[in-house]
Amino acid sequence: KQVITQLAFSSPILGFEVPDAAALNAALTSDIAKRQQAEPGLSISNQHGWHSDRDLFKREEHSFKLLCSHIVRALIHVGKTFTPEFSLEQRDIQGQGWVNVNNKGAYNAPHDHGSFHWSGCYYVAVPPTANERSGNIEFLDPRGGLSMGSDAPSPIFGGKVRFRPQPGLMLIFPSYLYHWV
């Protein structure tokens, strides 16, 4: 007897290692520090952290332009992977981007970016910590309270997925995924 399996409502999270990230991150660190000194920041999902204006794709600094080019390349890859008949190269990609800086004790409350198709984050710096959860990004199951309990872990019925970020890592994920840091 043949068994047919069709995955329903899968939520991919793709990780990209940005080439030459050390040099890019050094330049970004400097440009971000200048922005923090010049701008008060916004209060969105960030609690006790700094959130820049949503103008990343309009910035003139070389480091931000280079980062944005990596983001666009990643999104083109994602588009070709998940919707190969839809050509992103022939379209004007609309998006927002910003910088979050979370020092000790700061975090981003659970949120999504539902008005877009894809979301992502890039890690410039990740300080070492003794707390294994500190700094992690955690994605919450969009289906709600499905769980088999901790004694029977299953990727199908897990309630969350956690990533320990590293400098130079870019994550791309569907914008409907609730996440927090």
C-alpha atoms as a PDB file:
ATOM      1  CA  LYS A   1       0.000   0.000   0.000  1.00  0.00           C
ATOM      2  CA  GLN A   2       1.405   3.405  -0.957  1.00  0.00           C
ATOM      3  CA  VAL A   3       1.566   6.156   1.641  1.00  0.00           C
ATOM      4  CA  ILE A   4       1.227   9.717   0.374  1.00  0.00           C
ATOM      5  CA  THR A   5       2.673  12.468   2.532  1.00  0.00           C
ATOM      6  CA  GLN A   6       1.901  16.122   1.906  1.00  0.00           C
ATOM      7  CA  LEU A   7       3.296  18.669   4.316  1.00  0.00           C
ATOM      8  CA  ALA A   8       0.777  21.371   5.168  1.00  0.00           C
ATOM      9  CA  PHE A   9       1.533  24.861   6.364  1.00  0.00           C
ATOM     10  CA  SER A  10       5.274  24.432   6.701  1.00  0.00           C
ATOM     11  CA  SER A  11       7.242  27.476   7.838  1.00  0.00           C
ATOM     12  CA  PRO A  12      10.789  27.543   6.492  1.00  0.00           C
ATOM     13  CA  ILE A  13      13.555  29.410   8.299  1.00  0.00           C
ATOM     14  CA  LEU A  14      16.616  29.827   6.107  1.00  0.00           C
ATOM     15  CA  GLY A  15      20.075  30.691   7.393  1.00  0.00           C
ATOM     16  CA  PHE A  16      22.693  32.403   5.241  1.00  0.00           C
ATOM     17  CA  GLU A  17      26.321  33.027   6.152  1.00  0.00           C
ATOM     18  CA  VAL A  18      27.265  36.432   4.786  1.00  0.00           C
ATOM     19  CA  PRO A  19      30.685  36.395   3.077  1.00  0.00           C
ATOM     20  CA  ASP A  20      33.407  38.591   4.585  1.00  0.00           C
ATOM     21  CA  ALA A  21      31.133  39.263   7.551  1.00  0.00           C
ATOM     22  CA  ALA A  22      33.966  40.358   9.876  1.00  0.00           C
ATOM     23  CA  ALA A  23      34.833  43.398   7.751  1.00  0.00           C
ATOM     24  CA  LEU A  24      31.168  44.223   7.123  1.00  0.00           C
ATOM     25  CA  ASN A  25      30.347  43.895  10.838  1.00  0.00           C
ATOM     26  CA  ALA A  26      33.209  46.220  11.834  1.00  0.00           C
ATOM     27  CA  ALA A  27      31.887  48.900   9.469  1.00  0.00           C
ATOM     28  CA  LEU A  28      28.293  48.329  10.580  1.00  0.00           C
ATOM     29  CA  THR A  29      29.285  48.587  14.253  1.00  0.00           C
ATOM     30  CA  SER A  30      30.827  51.996  13.614  1.00  0.00           C
ATOM     31  CA  ASP A  31      27.892  53.271  11.530  1.00  0.00           C
ATOM     32  CA  ILE A  32      25.338  51.955  14.012  1.00  0.00           C
ATOM     33  CA  ALA A  33      27.118  53.694  16.899  1.00  0.00           C
ATOM     34  CA  LYS A  34      26.976  56.984  14.964  1.00  0.00           C
ATOM     35  CA  ARG A  35      23.261  56.511  14.386  1.00  0.00           C
ATOM     36  CA  GLN A  36      22.626  55.747  18.056  1.00  0.00           C
ATOM     37  CA  GLN A  37      24.357  58.968  19.056  1.00  0.00           C
ATOM     38  CA  ALA A  38      22.423  61.033  16.506  1.00  0.00           C
ATOM     39  CA  GLU A  39      18.950  59.473  16.747  1.00  0.00           C
ATOM     40  CA  PRO A  40      16.687  58.889  19.762  1.00  0.00           C
ATOM     41  CA  GLY A  41      15.317  55.623  18.357  1.00  0.00           C
ATOM     42  CA  LEU A  42      11.811  54.217  18.180  1.00  0.00           C
ATOM     43  CA  SER A  43       9.821  52.104  20.600  1.00  0.00           C
ATOM     44  CA  ILE A  44       8.282  49.176  18.705  1.00  0.00           C
ATOM     45  CA  SER A  45       8.774  45.606  20.005  1.00  0.00           C
ATOM     46  CA  ASN A  46      12.041  46.555  21.703  1.00  0.00           C
ATOM     47  CA  GLN A  47      12.057  46.765  25.478  1.00  0.00           C
ATOM     48  CA  HIS A  48      14.984  48.783  26.879  1.00  0.00           C
ATOM     49  CA  GLY A  49      16.868  48.477  23.577  1.00  0.00           C
ATOM     50  CA  TRP A  50      17.445  50.875  20.702  1.00  0.00           C
ATOM     51  CA  HIS A  51      15.447  50.639  17.434  1.00  0.00           C
ATOM     52  CA  SER A  52      16.450  52.844  14.495  1.00  0.00           C
ATOM     53  CA  ASP A  53      14.097  54.423  12.028  1.00  0.00           C
ATOM     54  CA  ARG A  54      12.818  51.993   9.365  1.00  0.00           C
ATOM     55  CA  ASP A  55      15.056  53.432   6.653  1.00  0.00           C
ATOM     56  CA  LEU A  56      17.779  50.786   6.252  1.00  0.00           C
ATOM     57  CA  PHE A  57      17.205  50.413   2.492  1.00  0.00           C
ATOM     58  CA  LYS A  58      17.471  54.193   2.003  1.00  0.00           C
ATOM     59  CA  ARG A  59      20.705  54.735   3.948  1.00  0.00           C
ATOM     60  CA  GLU A  60      23.767  56.068   2.114  1.00  0.00           C
ATOM     61  CA  GLU A  61      26.480  54.549   4.327  1.00  0.00           C
ATOM     62  CA  HIS A  62      28.500  51.943   2.428  1.00  0.00           C
ATOM     63  CA  SER A  63      28.060  49.334   5.184  1.00  0.00           C
ATOM     64  CA  PHE A  64      24.261  49.578   5.071  1.00  0.00           C
ATOM     65  CA  LYS A  65      24.230  49.463   1.253  1.00  0.00           C
ATOM     66  CA  LEU A  66      26.423  46.345   1.299  1.00  0.00           C
ATOM     67  CA  LEU A  67      24.194  44.664   3.890  1.00  0.00           C
ATOM     68  CA  CYS A  68      21.114  45.503   1.823  1.00  0.00           C
ATOM     69  CA  SER A  69      22.698  43.927  -1.261  1.00  0.00           C
ATOM     70  CA  HIS A  70      23.190  40.696   0.741  1.00  0.00           C
ATOM     71  CA  ILE A  71      19.570  40.863   1.897  1.00  0.00           C
ATOM     72  CA  VAL A  72      18.291  41.273  -1.666  1.00  0.00           C
ATOM     73  CA  ARG A  73      20.418  38.333  -2.880  1.00  0.00           C
ATOM     74  CA  ALA A  74      19.049  36.172  -0.050  1.00  0.00           C
ATOM     75  CA  LEU A  75      15.478  37.162  -0.911  1.00  0.00           C
ATOM     76  CA  ILE A  76      16.036  36.330  -4.585  1.00  0.00           C
ATOM     77  CA  HIS A  77      17.300  32.891  -3.498  1.00  0.00           C
ATOM     78  CA  VAL A  78      14.258  32.419  -1.251  1.00  0.00           C
ATOM     79  CA  GLY A  79      11.955  33.476  -4.074  1.00  0.00           C
ATOM     80  CA  LYS A  80      13.552  31.062  -6.546  1.00  0.00           C
ATOM     81  CA  THR A  81      13.349  28.265  -3.977  1.00  0.00           C
ATOM     82  CA  PHE A  82       9.731  28.690  -2.885  1.00  0.00           C
ATOM     83  CA  THR A  83       8.064  30.435  -5.850  1.00  0.00           C
ATOM     84  CA  PRO A  84      10.264  29.663  -8.872  1.00  0.00           C
ATOM     85  CA  GLU A  85       7.648  30.917 -11.354  1.00  0.00           C
ATOM     86  CA  PHE A  86       7.685  34.386  -9.736  1.00  0.00           C
ATOM     87  CA  SER A  87      10.731  36.387 -10.848  1.00  0.00           C
ATOM     88  CA  LEU A  88      11.916  38.808  -8.184  1.00  0.00           C
ATOM     89  CA  GLU A  89      14.658  40.141 -10.462  1.00  0.00           C
ATOM     90  CA  GLN A  90      11.977  41.738 -12.644  1.00  0.00           C
ATOM     91  CA  ARG A  91      10.127  43.339  -9.750  1.00  0.00           C
ATOM     92  CA  ASP A  92      10.692  46.249  -7.456  1.00  0.00           C
ATOM     93  CA  ILE A  93      11.216  44.712  -4.024  1.00  0.00           C
ATOM     94  CA  GLN A  94       9.416  46.719  -1.361  1.00  0.00           C
ATOM     95  CA  GLY A  95      10.685  46.430   2.161  1.00  0.00           C
ATOM     96  CA  GLN A  96      11.602  48.022   5.407  1.00  0.00           C
ATOM     97  CA  GLY A  97      14.690  47.527   7.467  1.00  0.00           C
ATOM     98  CA  TRP A  98      16.059  48.846  10.705  1.00  0.00           C
ATOM     99  CA  VAL A  99      18.688  48.277  13.356  1.00  0.00           C
ATOM    100  CA  ASN A 100      18.025  46.860  16.812  1.00  0.00           C
ATOM    101  CA  VAL A 101      20.600  47.082  19.579  1.00  0.00           C
ATOM    102  CA  ASN A 102      19.839  45.099  22.721  1.00  0.00           C
ATOM    103  CA  ASN A 103      22.264  45.567  25.564  1.00  0.00           C
ATOM    104  CA  LYS A 104      22.107  43.520  28.760  1.00  0.00           C
ATOM    105  CA  GLY A 105      18.529  43.286  30.029  1.00  0.00           C
ATOM    106  CA  ALA A 106      16.935  44.435  26.748  1.00  0.00           C
ATOM    107  CA  TYR A 107      14.722  42.248  24.596  1.00  0.00           C
ATOM    108  CA  ASN A 108      12.181  42.298  21.795  1.00  0.00           C
ATOM    109  CA  ALA A 109       8.667  41.230  22.764  1.00  0.00           C
ATOM    110  CA  PRO A 110       6.900  38.590  20.621  1.00  0.00           C
ATOM    111  CA  HIS A 111       5.804  40.082  17.305  1.00  0.00           C
ATOM    112  CA  ASP A 112       5.428  39.374  13.609  1.00  0.00           C
ATOM    113  CA  HIS A 113       5.776  41.405  10.427  1.00  0.00           C
ATOM    114  CA  GLY A 114       2.493  40.324   8.868  1.00  0.00           C
ATOM    115  CA  SER A 115       2.232  43.063   6.248  1.00  0.00           C
ATOM    116  CA  PHE A 116       5.147  41.536   4.292  1.00  0.00           C
ATOM    117  CA  HIS A 117       5.789  38.111   2.775  1.00  0.00           C
ATOM    118  CA  TRP A 118       9.288  37.563   4.176  1.00  0.00           C
ATOM    119  CA  SER A 119      11.182  38.880   7.171  1.00  0.00           C
ATOM    120  CA  GLY A 120      14.727  38.483   8.264  1.00  0.00           C
ATOM    121  CA  CYS A 121      17.452  39.494  10.635  1.00  0.00           C
ATOM    122  CA  TYR A 122      21.201  39.865  10.375  1.00  0.00           C
ATOM    123  CA  TYR A 123      23.538  39.594  13.339  1.00  0.00           C
ATOM    124  CA  VAL A 124      26.374  42.097  13.554  1.00  0.00           C
ATOM    125  CA  ALA A 125      27.523  41.189  17.072  1.00  0.00           C
ATOM    126  CA  VAL A 126      26.501  38.627  19.652  1.00  0.00           C
ATOM    127  CA  PRO A 127      28.164  39.080  23.042  1.00  0.00           C
ATOM    128  CA  PRO A 128      29.172  35.928  24.915  1.00  0.00           C
ATOM    129  CA  THR A 129      26.817  34.939  27.714  1.00  0.00           C
ATOM    130  CA  ALA A 130      26.604  32.235  30.362  1.00  0.00           C
ATOM    131  CA  ASN A 131      22.814  32.100  29.953  1.00  0.00           C
ATOM    132  CA  GLU A 132      22.053  29.660  27.135  1.00  0.00           C
ATOM    133  CA  ARG A 133      18.846  31.536  26.158  1.00  0.00           C
ATOM    134  CA  SER A 134      20.233  35.082  26.249  1.00  0.00           C
ATOM    135  CA  GLY A 135      20.350  36.628  22.785  1.00  0.00           C
ATOM    136  CA  ASN A 136      18.535  33.758  21.098  1.00  0.00           C
ATOM    137  CA  ILE A 137      15.791  34.354  18.594  1.00  0.00           C
ATOM    138  CA  GLU A 138      12.798  32.166  19.300  1.00  0.00           C
ATOM    139  CA  PHE A 139      10.054  31.424  16.770  1.00  0.00           C
ATOM    140  CA  LEU A 140       6.614  30.475  18.068  1.00  0.00           C
ATOM    141  CA  ASP A 141       4.414  27.895  16.340  1.00  0.00           C
ATOM    142  CA  PRO A 142       1.840  29.835  14.304  1.00  0.00           C
ATOM    143  CA  ARG A 143      -0.728  27.042  14.703  1.00  0.00           C
ATOM    144  CA  GLY A 144      -1.260  27.751  18.373  1.00  0.00           C
ATOM    145  CA  GLY A 145      -1.278  25.373  21.307  1.00  0.00           C
ATOM    146  CA  LEU A 146      -0.160  22.135  19.697  1.00  0.00           C
ATOM    147  CA  SER A 147       2.062  20.076  21.942  1.00  0.00           C
ATOM    148  CA  MET A 148       2.621  16.433  22.734  1.00  0.00           C
ATOM    149  CA  GLY A 149       4.343  17.292  25.975  1.00  0.00           C
ATOM    150  CA  SER A 150       8.021  17.433  26.821  1.00  0.00           C
ATOM    151  CA  ASP A 151       8.347  13.644  27.214  1.00  0.00           C
ATOM    152  CA  ALA A 152       7.683  13.101  23.472  1.00  0.00           C
ATOM    153  CA  PRO A 153       9.498  15.841  21.543  1.00  0.00           C
ATOM    154  CA  SER A 154       8.473  16.118  17.908  1.00  0.00           C
ATOM    155  CA  PRO A 155       9.275  18.680  15.210  1.00  0.00           C
ATOM    156  CA  ILE A 156       5.640  18.434  14.134  1.00  0.00           C
ATOM    157  CA  PHE A 157       4.191  19.270  17.550  1.00  0.00           C
ATOM    158  CA  GLY A 158       6.838  21.518  19.062  1.00  0.00           C
ATOM    159  CA  GLY A 159       5.755  24.897  20.350  1.00  0.00           C
ATOM    160  CA  LYS A 160       8.873  26.849  19.429  1.00  0.00           C
ATOM    161  CA  VAL A 161      12.153  26.793  17.552  1.00  0.00           C
ATOM    162  CA  ARG A 162      15.188  28.573  18.979  1.00  0.00           C
ATOM    163  CA  PHE A 163      18.339  29.767  17.187  1.00  0.00           C
ATOM    164  CA  ARG A 164      21.565  30.866  18.823  1.00  0.00           C
ATOM    165  CA  PRO A 165      22.748  33.642  16.507  1.00  0.00           C
ATOM    166  CA  GLN A 166      26.327  34.173  15.409  1.00  0.00           C
ATOM    167  CA  PRO A 167      27.847  37.306  13.876  1.00  0.00           C
ATOM    168  CA  GLY A 168      27.463  37.131  10.106  1.00  0.00           C
ATOM    169  CA  LEU A 169      24.288  35.002  10.190  1.00  0.00           C
ATOM    170  CA  MET A 170      21.231  36.147   8.257  1.00  0.00           C
ATOM    171  CA  LEU A 171      17.897  34.440   8.872  1.00  0.00           C
ATOM    172  CA  ILE A 172      14.996  34.741   6.437  1.00  0.00           C
ATOM    173  CA  PHE A 173      11.531  33.514   7.447  1.00  0.00           C
ATOM    174  CA  PRO A 174       7.840  34.037   6.615  1.00  0.00           C
ATOM    175  CA  SER A 175       6.643  37.295   8.115  1.00  0.00           C
ATOM    176  CA  TYR A 176       3.693  35.657   9.869  1.00  0.00           C
ATOM    177  CA  LEU A 177       6.013  33.796  12.270  1.00  0.00           C
ATOM    178  CA  TYR A 178       5.834  35.281  15.743  1.00  0.00           C
ATOM    179  CA  HIS A 179       9.328  35.662  17.143  1.00  0.00           C
ATOM    180  CA  TRP A 180      11.144  37.367  19.973  1.00  0.00           C
ATOM    181  CA  VAL A 181      14.668  37.924  21.227  1.00  0.00           C
END
